[in-house]
């Protein structure tokens, strides 16, 4: 195990929608918090077989970048400052607020804007959450919105709404 008593975690790269497997080598700081010391490709993962692009290979730099939050922030009102809060308490607070909005204004008061970086399974779960549990059809993905402009650009510049086999 890499690092100082940090261990390893197998997970998925968060950059694009390919879903490459990565292995995080963790280290534990003097304060007891874990951080990522190194990232490598997961050789057992079917999407990438251990290979990583530049972005995936530099994941440790991203996770150690200055200015990243160390905990959740919650504000009790819009005009109040955000206060550092335990993550579990923050999730509970958000759940209560969403439940109150749902009960007061109905399901279409909530909407979901999801990412193309989500796996197929995560997209499925997000749709089940939106449509099956919340009962709203207000769910959109940046994948469609992004590809709308890309498709238009392809059509105008190349004559077809998809990328050609060769540029």
N, C-alpha and C. Protein backbone atom coordinates (compact mmCIF):
# COMPACT_ATOMS: atom_id res chain seq x y z
N UNK A 1 0.84 -1.18 0.00
CA UNK A 1 0.00 0.00 0.00
C UNK A 1 0.88 1.24 0.00
N UNK A 2 0.49 2.19 -0.80
CA UNK A 2 1.29 3.40 -0.92
C UNK A 2 0.97 4.37 0.20
N UNK A 3 1.86 5.33 0.38
CA UNK A 3 1.61 6.38 1.36
C UNK A 3 1.84 5.88 2.76
N UNK A 4 1.48 6.71 3.71
CA UNK A 4 1.63 6.38 5.11
C UNK A 4 0.29 5.90 5.64
N UNK A 5 0.09 4.58 5.65
CA UNK A 5 -1.13 4.00 6.20
C UNK A 5 -2.39 4.53 5.51
N UNK A 6 -2.29 4.87 4.23
CA UNK A 6 -3.45 5.41 3.53
C UNK A 6 -4.23 4.39 2.74
N UNK A 7 -3.52 3.39 2.22
CA UNK A 7 -4.17 2.35 1.44
C UNK A 7 -4.41 2.75 0.00
N UNK A 8 -5.22 1.95 -0.68
CA UNK A 8 -5.57 2.19 -2.07
C UNK A 8 -7.08 2.12 -2.22
N UNK A 9 -7.58 2.87 -3.20
CA UNK A 9 -9.00 2.85 -3.52
C UNK A 9 -9.13 2.72 -5.03
N UNK A 10 -9.91 1.73 -5.47
CA UNK A 10 -10.23 1.59 -6.89
C UNK A 10 -11.50 2.39 -7.14
N UNK A 11 -11.46 3.24 -8.20
CA UNK A 11 -12.61 4.08 -8.51
C UNK A 11 -12.63 4.37 -10.00
N UNK A 12 -13.42 5.34 -10.41
CA UNK A 12 -13.56 5.69 -11.81
C UNK A 12 -13.11 7.13 -12.00
N UNK A 13 -12.40 7.38 -13.08
CA UNK A 13 -11.95 8.74 -13.41
C UNK A 13 -13.16 9.65 -13.58
N UNK A 14 -13.05 10.88 -13.11
CA UNK A 14 -14.19 11.79 -13.14
C UNK A 14 -14.15 12.77 -14.30
N UNK A 15 -13.20 12.66 -15.19
CA UNK A 15 -13.09 13.67 -16.25
C UNK A 15 -14.11 13.53 -17.36
N UNK A 16 -14.13 12.44 -18.09
CA UNK A 16 -15.04 12.33 -19.23
C UNK A 16 -16.00 11.17 -19.02
N UNK A 17 -16.79 10.86 -20.00
CA UNK A 17 -17.79 9.82 -19.86
C UNK A 17 -17.30 8.42 -20.18
N UNK A 18 -16.02 8.24 -20.49
CA UNK A 18 -15.52 6.91 -20.84
C UNK A 18 -15.61 5.97 -19.64
N UNK A 19 -15.29 6.46 -18.47
CA UNK A 19 -15.40 5.64 -17.27
C UNK A 19 -14.18 4.79 -17.00
N UNK A 20 -13.00 5.32 -17.30
CA UNK A 20 -11.76 4.57 -17.06
C UNK A 20 -11.58 4.28 -15.58
N UNK A 21 -11.06 3.09 -15.29
CA UNK A 21 -10.78 2.71 -13.91
C UNK A 21 -9.45 3.30 -13.46
N UNK A 22 -9.42 3.84 -12.27
CA UNK A 22 -8.18 4.36 -11.69
C UNK A 22 -7.98 3.78 -10.30
N UNK A 23 -6.74 3.79 -9.87
CA UNK A 23 -6.39 3.36 -8.52
C UNK A 23 -5.76 4.56 -7.82
N UNK A 24 -6.34 4.94 -6.70
CA UNK A 24 -5.81 6.05 -5.91
C UNK A 24 -4.93 5.49 -4.81
N UNK A 25 -3.68 5.89 -4.79
CA UNK A 25 -2.79 5.56 -3.68
C UNK A 25 -2.93 6.67 -2.66
N UNK A 26 -3.35 6.32 -1.46
CA UNK A 26 -3.65 7.32 -0.44
C UNK A 26 -2.54 7.43 0.58
N UNK A 27 -2.45 8.61 1.15
CA UNK A 27 -1.55 8.82 2.28
C UNK A 27 -2.35 9.50 3.37
N UNK A 28 -1.90 9.34 4.60
CA UNK A 28 -2.58 9.95 5.73
C UNK A 28 -1.67 11.02 6.30
N UNK A 29 -2.19 12.24 6.40
CA UNK A 29 -1.42 13.36 6.92
C UNK A 29 -1.32 13.33 8.43
N UNK A 30 -0.53 14.26 8.96
CA UNK A 30 -0.35 14.35 10.41
C UNK A 30 -1.67 14.61 11.12
N UNK A 31 -2.62 15.27 10.41
CA UNK A 31 -3.93 15.57 10.99
C UNK A 31 -4.88 14.39 10.91
N UNK A 32 -4.43 13.28 10.29
CA UNK A 32 -5.27 12.09 10.18
C UNK A 32 -6.10 12.02 8.92
N UNK A 33 -6.13 13.11 8.15
CA UNK A 33 -6.93 13.12 6.92
C UNK A 33 -6.20 12.39 5.81
N UNK A 34 -6.97 11.69 4.99
CA UNK A 34 -6.39 11.01 3.84
C UNK A 34 -6.34 11.96 2.65
N UNK A 35 -5.32 11.79 1.81
CA UNK A 35 -5.23 12.53 0.56
C UNK A 35 -4.64 11.61 -0.49
N UNK A 36 -4.77 11.99 -1.74
CA UNK A 36 -4.29 11.16 -2.84
C UNK A 36 -2.83 11.50 -3.10
N UNK A 37 -1.98 10.49 -3.01
CA UNK A 37 -0.56 10.65 -3.26
C UNK A 37 -0.23 10.39 -4.72
N UNK A 38 -0.94 9.45 -5.34
CA UNK A 38 -0.62 9.04 -6.70
C UNK A 38 -1.84 8.39 -7.34
N UNK A 39 -1.95 8.53 -8.65
CA UNK A 39 -3.03 7.89 -9.40
C UNK A 39 -2.42 7.01 -10.48
N UNK A 40 -2.98 5.84 -10.64
CA UNK A 40 -2.55 4.97 -11.74
C UNK A 40 -3.78 4.32 -12.36
N UNK A 41 -3.61 3.82 -13.57
CA UNK A 41 -4.71 3.15 -14.25
C UNK A 41 -4.98 1.79 -13.61
N UNK A 42 -6.23 1.41 -13.58
CA UNK A 42 -6.63 0.11 -13.02
C UNK A 42 -6.52 -0.94 -14.12
N UNK A 43 -5.52 -1.79 -14.03
CA UNK A 43 -5.26 -2.79 -15.07
C UNK A 43 -6.40 -3.80 -15.21
N UNK A 44 -7.19 -3.96 -14.17
CA UNK A 44 -8.31 -4.92 -14.21
C UNK A 44 -9.59 -4.30 -14.75
N UNK A 45 -9.58 -3.00 -15.05
CA UNK A 45 -10.81 -2.33 -15.49
C UNK A 45 -11.03 -2.52 -16.99
N UNK A 46 -12.24 -2.93 -17.39
CA UNK A 46 -12.49 -3.23 -18.80
C UNK A 46 -12.48 -2.01 -19.73
N UNK A 47 -12.71 -0.82 -19.21
CA UNK A 47 -12.77 0.36 -20.08
C UNK A 47 -11.40 0.81 -20.55
N UNK A 48 -10.38 0.64 -19.74
CA UNK A 48 -9.07 1.18 -20.11
C UNK A 48 -7.91 0.23 -19.89
N UNK A 49 -8.12 -0.89 -19.25
CA UNK A 49 -7.05 -1.87 -19.07
C UNK A 49 -5.78 -1.29 -18.48
N UNK A 50 -5.92 -0.28 -17.64
CA UNK A 50 -4.76 0.32 -16.98
C UNK A 50 -4.20 1.55 -17.68
N UNK A 51 -4.63 1.82 -18.89
CA UNK A 51 -4.13 3.00 -19.61
C UNK A 51 -4.90 4.24 -19.18
N UNK A 52 -4.21 5.39 -19.14
CA UNK A 52 -4.86 6.65 -18.78
C UNK A 52 -4.42 7.75 -19.74
N UNK A 53 -5.32 8.67 -20.01
CA UNK A 53 -4.96 9.86 -20.77
C UNK A 53 -4.25 10.83 -19.81
N UNK A 54 -3.83 11.96 -20.33
CA UNK A 54 -3.11 12.94 -19.52
C UNK A 54 -3.97 13.42 -18.35
N UNK A 55 -5.24 13.68 -18.62
CA UNK A 55 -6.10 14.18 -17.54
C UNK A 55 -6.25 13.14 -16.44
N UNK A 56 -6.51 11.90 -16.80
CA UNK A 56 -6.65 10.85 -15.80
C UNK A 56 -5.38 10.64 -15.01
N UNK A 57 -4.25 10.70 -15.70
CA UNK A 57 -2.97 10.47 -15.05
C UNK A 57 -2.59 11.58 -14.07
N UNK A 58 -3.18 12.77 -14.24
CA UNK A 58 -2.86 13.90 -13.36
C UNK A 58 -3.95 14.15 -12.32
N UNK A 59 -4.78 13.15 -12.06
CA UNK A 59 -5.87 13.27 -11.09
C UNK A 59 -5.38 13.71 -9.70
N UNK A 60 -4.22 13.21 -9.29
CA UNK A 60 -3.71 13.56 -7.95
C UNK A 60 -3.48 15.06 -7.85
N UNK A 61 -3.00 15.68 -8.94
CA UNK A 61 -2.79 17.13 -8.94
C UNK A 61 -4.11 17.87 -8.77
N UNK A 62 -5.13 17.41 -9.49
CA UNK A 62 -6.46 18.02 -9.38
C UNK A 62 -6.98 17.95 -7.95
N UNK A 63 -6.86 16.78 -7.36
CA UNK A 63 -7.40 16.57 -6.02
C UNK A 63 -6.63 17.32 -4.94
N UNK A 64 -5.38 17.70 -5.24
CA UNK A 64 -4.55 18.43 -4.27
C UNK A 64 -4.50 19.93 -4.57
N UNK A 65 -5.24 20.37 -5.57
CA UNK A 65 -5.20 21.78 -5.97
C UNK A 65 -5.67 22.68 -4.83
N UNK A 66 -5.02 23.83 -4.67
CA UNK A 66 -5.44 24.75 -3.61
C UNK A 66 -6.84 25.29 -3.89
N UNK A 67 -7.54 25.61 -2.83
CA UNK A 67 -8.86 26.19 -2.95
C UNK A 67 -10.00 25.19 -2.96
N UNK A 68 -9.69 23.88 -2.95
CA UNK A 68 -10.76 22.88 -2.90
C UNK A 68 -11.36 22.86 -1.49
N UNK A 69 -12.65 22.63 -1.42
CA UNK A 69 -13.32 22.58 -0.13
C UNK A 69 -12.87 21.38 0.68
N UNK A 70 -12.74 21.58 1.98
CA UNK A 70 -12.39 20.49 2.87
C UNK A 70 -13.59 19.92 3.59
N UNK A 71 -14.70 20.63 3.52
CA UNK A 71 -15.93 20.18 4.15
C UNK A 71 -17.11 20.83 3.43
N UNK A 72 -18.30 20.46 3.81
CA UNK A 72 -19.50 21.06 3.23
C UNK A 72 -19.69 22.45 3.81
N UNK A 73 -20.34 23.31 3.03
CA UNK A 73 -20.71 24.64 3.49
C UNK A 73 -22.22 24.78 3.39
N UNK A 74 -22.85 25.32 4.42
CA UNK A 74 -24.30 25.50 4.44
C UNK A 74 -24.61 26.92 4.89
N UNK A 75 -25.59 27.52 4.23
CA UNK A 75 -26.09 28.82 4.70
C UNK A 75 -27.57 28.65 5.03
N UNK A 76 -27.98 29.24 6.12
CA UNK A 76 -29.37 29.08 6.57
C UNK A 76 -30.33 29.96 5.78
N UNK A 77 -29.83 31.02 5.16
CA UNK A 77 -30.64 31.91 4.31
C UNK A 77 -29.72 32.48 3.24
N UNK A 78 -30.31 32.93 2.14
CA UNK A 78 -29.52 33.44 1.03
C UNK A 78 -28.59 34.58 1.42
N UNK A 79 -29.01 35.41 2.35
CA UNK A 79 -28.20 36.57 2.73
C UNK A 79 -27.24 36.28 3.89
N UNK A 80 -27.18 35.03 4.29
CA UNK A 80 -26.28 34.63 5.38
C UNK A 80 -24.99 34.05 4.80
N UNK A 81 -23.90 34.13 5.54
CA UNK A 81 -22.65 33.53 5.06
C UNK A 81 -22.71 32.00 5.15
N UNK A 82 -21.95 31.35 4.27
CA UNK A 82 -21.85 29.90 4.32
C UNK A 82 -20.99 29.50 5.51
N UNK A 83 -21.45 28.48 6.24
CA UNK A 83 -20.78 28.03 7.45
C UNK A 83 -20.27 26.60 7.24
N UNK A 84 -19.00 26.30 7.58
CA UNK A 84 -18.52 24.92 7.47
C UNK A 84 -19.39 23.98 8.30
N UNK A 85 -19.77 22.86 7.70
CA UNK A 85 -20.71 21.94 8.31
C UNK A 85 -20.28 20.50 8.03
N UNK A 86 -20.56 19.62 8.95
CA UNK A 86 -20.32 18.20 8.76
C UNK A 86 -21.07 17.74 7.50
N UNK A 87 -20.44 16.91 6.69
CA UNK A 87 -21.03 16.49 5.43
C UNK A 87 -22.37 15.78 5.64
N UNK A 88 -22.45 14.88 6.61
CA UNK A 88 -23.72 14.18 6.85
C UNK A 88 -24.83 15.17 7.24
N UNK A 89 -24.49 16.16 8.04
CA UNK A 89 -25.47 17.18 8.43
C UNK A 89 -25.90 18.01 7.22
N UNK A 90 -24.96 18.31 6.33
CA UNK A 90 -25.28 19.08 5.13
C UNK A 90 -26.22 18.30 4.21
N UNK A 91 -25.95 17.02 4.03
CA UNK A 91 -26.81 16.18 3.19
C UNK A 91 -28.22 16.12 3.79
N UNK A 92 -28.31 15.98 5.10
CA UNK A 92 -29.61 15.95 5.77
C UNK A 92 -30.34 17.27 5.58
N UNK A 93 -29.63 18.39 5.69
CA UNK A 93 -30.24 19.71 5.50
C UNK A 93 -30.77 19.88 4.08
N UNK A 94 -29.99 19.46 3.10
CA UNK A 94 -30.43 19.55 1.71
C UNK A 94 -31.65 18.68 1.48
N UNK A 95 -31.65 17.47 2.01
CA UNK A 95 -32.79 16.57 1.86
C UNK A 95 -34.05 17.19 2.45
N UNK A 96 -33.93 17.81 3.62
CA UNK A 96 -35.10 18.47 4.24
C UNK A 96 -35.63 19.61 3.37
N UNK A 97 -34.70 20.42 2.84
CA UNK A 97 -35.12 21.54 1.99
C UNK A 97 -35.81 21.04 0.72
N UNK A 98 -35.24 20.03 0.09
CA UNK A 98 -35.86 19.49 -1.12
C UNK A 98 -37.23 18.90 -0.83
N UNK A 99 -37.36 18.18 0.29
CA UNK A 99 -38.66 17.62 0.67
C UNK A 99 -39.68 18.73 0.89
N UNK A 100 -39.28 19.82 1.54
CA UNK A 100 -40.20 20.94 1.79
C UNK A 100 -40.65 21.58 0.47
N UNK A 101 -39.72 21.76 -0.47
CA UNK A 101 -40.08 22.32 -1.78
C UNK A 101 -41.04 21.40 -2.50
N UNK A 102 -40.75 20.12 -2.48
CA UNK A 102 -41.60 19.13 -3.13
C UNK A 102 -43.00 19.13 -2.55
N UNK A 103 -43.10 19.16 -1.23
CA UNK A 103 -44.42 19.13 -0.59
C UNK A 103 -45.19 20.43 -0.81
N UNK A 104 -44.50 21.56 -0.83
CA UNK A 104 -45.20 22.84 -0.98
C UNK A 104 -45.56 23.16 -2.43
N UNK A 105 -44.67 22.82 -3.37
CA UNK A 105 -44.85 23.27 -4.75
C UNK A 105 -45.06 22.15 -5.77
N UNK A 106 -44.92 20.90 -5.36
CA UNK A 106 -45.13 19.79 -6.28
C UNK A 106 -43.86 19.37 -7.01
N UNK A 107 -43.95 18.24 -7.70
CA UNK A 107 -42.75 17.64 -8.31
C UNK A 107 -42.07 18.49 -9.37
N UNK A 108 -42.82 19.27 -10.13
CA UNK A 108 -42.17 20.05 -11.18
C UNK A 108 -41.47 21.29 -10.67
N UNK A 109 -41.48 21.49 -9.35
CA UNK A 109 -40.68 22.58 -8.76
C UNK A 109 -39.22 22.17 -8.66
N UNK A 110 -38.96 20.87 -8.81
CA UNK A 110 -37.59 20.37 -8.79
C UNK A 110 -37.18 19.96 -10.20
N UNK A 111 -35.93 20.26 -10.53
CA UNK A 111 -35.41 19.82 -11.82
C UNK A 111 -34.00 19.30 -11.62
N UNK A 112 -33.55 18.52 -12.58
CA UNK A 112 -32.24 17.90 -12.51
C UNK A 112 -31.46 18.26 -13.76
N UNK A 113 -30.22 18.67 -13.59
CA UNK A 113 -29.32 18.91 -14.71
C UNK A 113 -28.11 18.03 -14.47
N UNK A 114 -28.01 16.95 -15.24
CA UNK A 114 -26.99 15.95 -14.99
C UNK A 114 -25.87 16.05 -16.02
N UNK A 115 -24.84 15.28 -15.81
CA UNK A 115 -23.62 15.40 -16.59
C UNK A 115 -23.41 14.24 -17.55
N UNK A 116 -22.80 14.53 -18.67
CA UNK A 116 -22.40 13.49 -19.60
C UNK A 116 -21.26 12.65 -19.05
N UNK A 117 -20.65 13.09 -17.97
CA UNK A 117 -19.57 12.34 -17.35
C UNK A 117 -20.10 11.20 -16.49
N UNK A 118 -21.40 11.15 -16.31
CA UNK A 118 -21.98 10.07 -15.51
C UNK A 118 -21.96 8.78 -16.31
N UNK A 119 -21.78 7.68 -15.62
CA UNK A 119 -21.85 6.38 -16.28
C UNK A 119 -23.30 6.11 -16.70
N UNK A 120 -23.47 5.13 -17.54
CA UNK A 120 -24.81 4.75 -17.97
C UNK A 120 -25.67 4.40 -16.77
N UNK A 121 -25.06 3.68 -15.82
CA UNK A 121 -25.80 3.28 -14.62
C UNK A 121 -26.20 4.49 -13.78
N UNK A 122 -25.29 5.47 -13.66
CA UNK A 122 -25.60 6.68 -12.90
C UNK A 122 -26.68 7.50 -13.60
N UNK A 123 -26.65 7.57 -14.93
CA UNK A 123 -27.70 8.26 -15.68
C UNK A 123 -29.05 7.58 -15.43
N UNK A 124 -29.05 6.26 -15.44
CA UNK A 124 -30.27 5.50 -15.19
C UNK A 124 -30.82 5.83 -13.80
N UNK A 125 -29.94 5.81 -12.79
CA UNK A 125 -30.38 6.10 -11.42
C UNK A 125 -30.88 7.53 -11.29
N UNK A 126 -30.24 8.49 -11.95
CA UNK A 126 -30.69 9.88 -11.89
C UNK A 126 -32.08 10.01 -12.50
N UNK A 127 -32.31 9.32 -13.60
CA UNK A 127 -33.64 9.35 -14.22
C UNK A 127 -34.68 8.68 -13.34
N UNK A 128 -34.32 7.57 -12.70
CA UNK A 128 -35.26 6.92 -11.77
C UNK A 128 -35.57 7.83 -10.59
N UNK A 129 -34.55 8.54 -10.08
CA UNK A 129 -34.77 9.47 -8.99
C UNK A 129 -35.72 10.58 -9.43
N UNK A 130 -35.44 11.18 -10.59
CA UNK A 130 -36.26 12.30 -11.06
C UNK A 130 -37.68 11.85 -11.40
N UNK A 131 -37.78 10.85 -12.25
CA UNK A 131 -39.09 10.47 -12.78
C UNK A 131 -39.85 9.51 -11.88
N UNK A 132 -39.15 8.60 -11.23
CA UNK A 132 -39.83 7.59 -10.42
C UNK A 132 -40.08 8.01 -9.00
N UNK A 133 -39.11 8.66 -8.37
CA UNK A 133 -39.25 9.04 -6.96
C UNK A 133 -39.82 10.44 -6.81
N UNK A 134 -39.17 11.43 -7.43
CA UNK A 134 -39.65 12.82 -7.32
C UNK A 134 -40.90 13.02 -8.16
N UNK A 135 -41.01 12.28 -9.25
CA UNK A 135 -42.14 12.34 -10.18
C UNK A 135 -42.16 13.61 -11.02
N UNK A 136 -40.96 14.03 -11.45
CA UNK A 136 -40.87 15.15 -12.38
C UNK A 136 -40.23 14.67 -13.67
N UNK A 137 -40.60 15.30 -14.77
CA UNK A 137 -39.93 14.99 -16.03
C UNK A 137 -38.91 16.08 -16.36
N UNK A 138 -38.64 16.93 -15.38
CA UNK A 138 -37.71 18.04 -15.56
C UNK A 138 -36.27 17.56 -15.33
N UNK A 139 -35.74 16.83 -16.30
CA UNK A 139 -34.36 16.36 -16.21
C UNK A 139 -33.70 16.59 -17.57
N UNK A 140 -32.52 17.16 -17.54
CA UNK A 140 -31.77 17.47 -18.76
C UNK A 140 -30.32 17.11 -18.54
N UNK A 141 -29.62 16.87 -19.62
CA UNK A 141 -28.22 16.52 -19.54
C UNK A 141 -27.39 17.48 -20.37
N UNK A 142 -26.23 17.82 -19.86
CA UNK A 142 -25.36 18.69 -20.65
C UNK A 142 -24.89 17.97 -21.91
N UNK A 143 -25.03 16.66 -21.95
CA UNK A 143 -24.63 15.91 -23.15
C UNK A 143 -25.44 16.36 -24.35
N UNK A 144 -26.74 16.45 -24.19
CA UNK A 144 -27.59 16.85 -25.31
C UNK A 144 -27.36 18.30 -25.67
N UNK A 145 -27.28 19.17 -24.66
CA UNK A 145 -27.08 20.58 -24.95
C UNK A 145 -25.73 20.84 -25.60
N UNK A 146 -24.71 20.15 -25.15
CA UNK A 146 -23.38 20.30 -25.73
C UNK A 146 -23.38 19.81 -27.17
N UNK A 147 -23.97 18.66 -27.40
CA UNK A 147 -23.96 18.09 -28.74
C UNK A 147 -24.87 18.85 -29.70
N UNK A 148 -25.84 19.61 -29.19
CA UNK A 148 -26.67 20.42 -30.07
C UNK A 148 -25.81 21.47 -30.77
N UNK A 149 -24.95 22.13 -30.02
CA UNK A 149 -24.08 23.13 -30.64
C UNK A 149 -22.99 22.46 -31.49
N UNK A 150 -22.46 21.33 -31.04
CA UNK A 150 -21.45 20.62 -31.83
C UNK A 150 -22.06 20.13 -33.15
N UNK A 151 -23.27 19.57 -33.08
CA UNK A 151 -23.94 19.09 -34.29
C UNK A 151 -24.20 20.21 -35.27
N UNK A 152 -24.59 21.36 -34.76
CA UNK A 152 -24.81 22.52 -35.63
C UNK A 152 -23.51 22.94 -36.29
N UNK A 153 -22.44 22.97 -35.51
CA UNK A 153 -21.13 23.33 -36.06
C UNK A 153 -20.68 22.34 -37.13
N UNK A 154 -20.88 21.04 -36.88
CA UNK A 154 -20.53 20.03 -37.87
C UNK A 154 -21.34 20.24 -39.16
N UNK A 155 -22.64 20.48 -39.00
CA UNK A 155 -23.52 20.64 -40.17
C UNK A 155 -23.10 21.85 -40.99
N UNK A 156 -22.82 22.97 -40.34
CA UNK A 156 -22.44 24.18 -41.05
C UNK A 156 -21.06 24.07 -41.69
N UNK A 157 -20.12 23.45 -40.99
CA UNK A 157 -18.75 23.42 -41.51
C UNK A 157 -18.44 22.21 -42.38
N UNK A 158 -19.06 21.08 -42.07
CA UNK A 158 -18.70 19.85 -42.77
C UNK A 158 -19.84 19.24 -43.58
N UNK A 159 -21.06 19.79 -43.43
CA UNK A 159 -22.18 19.32 -44.23
C UNK A 159 -22.97 18.17 -43.63
N UNK A 160 -22.56 17.68 -42.47
CA UNK A 160 -23.29 16.60 -41.81
C UNK A 160 -23.27 16.87 -40.31
N UNK A 161 -24.28 16.36 -39.59
CA UNK A 161 -24.39 16.71 -38.17
C UNK A 161 -23.61 15.79 -37.24
N UNK A 162 -22.68 15.03 -37.76
CA UNK A 162 -21.83 14.18 -36.94
C UNK A 162 -20.39 14.31 -37.39
N UNK A 163 -19.47 13.97 -36.51
CA UNK A 163 -18.07 14.09 -36.91
C UNK A 163 -17.74 13.09 -38.03
N UNK A 164 -16.96 13.51 -39.01
CA UNK A 164 -16.62 12.60 -40.11
C UNK A 164 -15.61 11.55 -39.63
N UNK A 165 -15.48 10.49 -40.38
CA UNK A 165 -14.51 9.46 -40.06
C UNK A 165 -13.08 9.98 -40.12
N UNK A 166 -12.86 11.00 -40.94
CA UNK A 166 -11.54 11.58 -41.08
C UNK A 166 -11.69 13.08 -41.36
N UNK A 167 -10.89 13.89 -40.71
CA UNK A 167 -10.93 15.32 -40.97
C UNK A 167 -9.99 15.66 -42.11
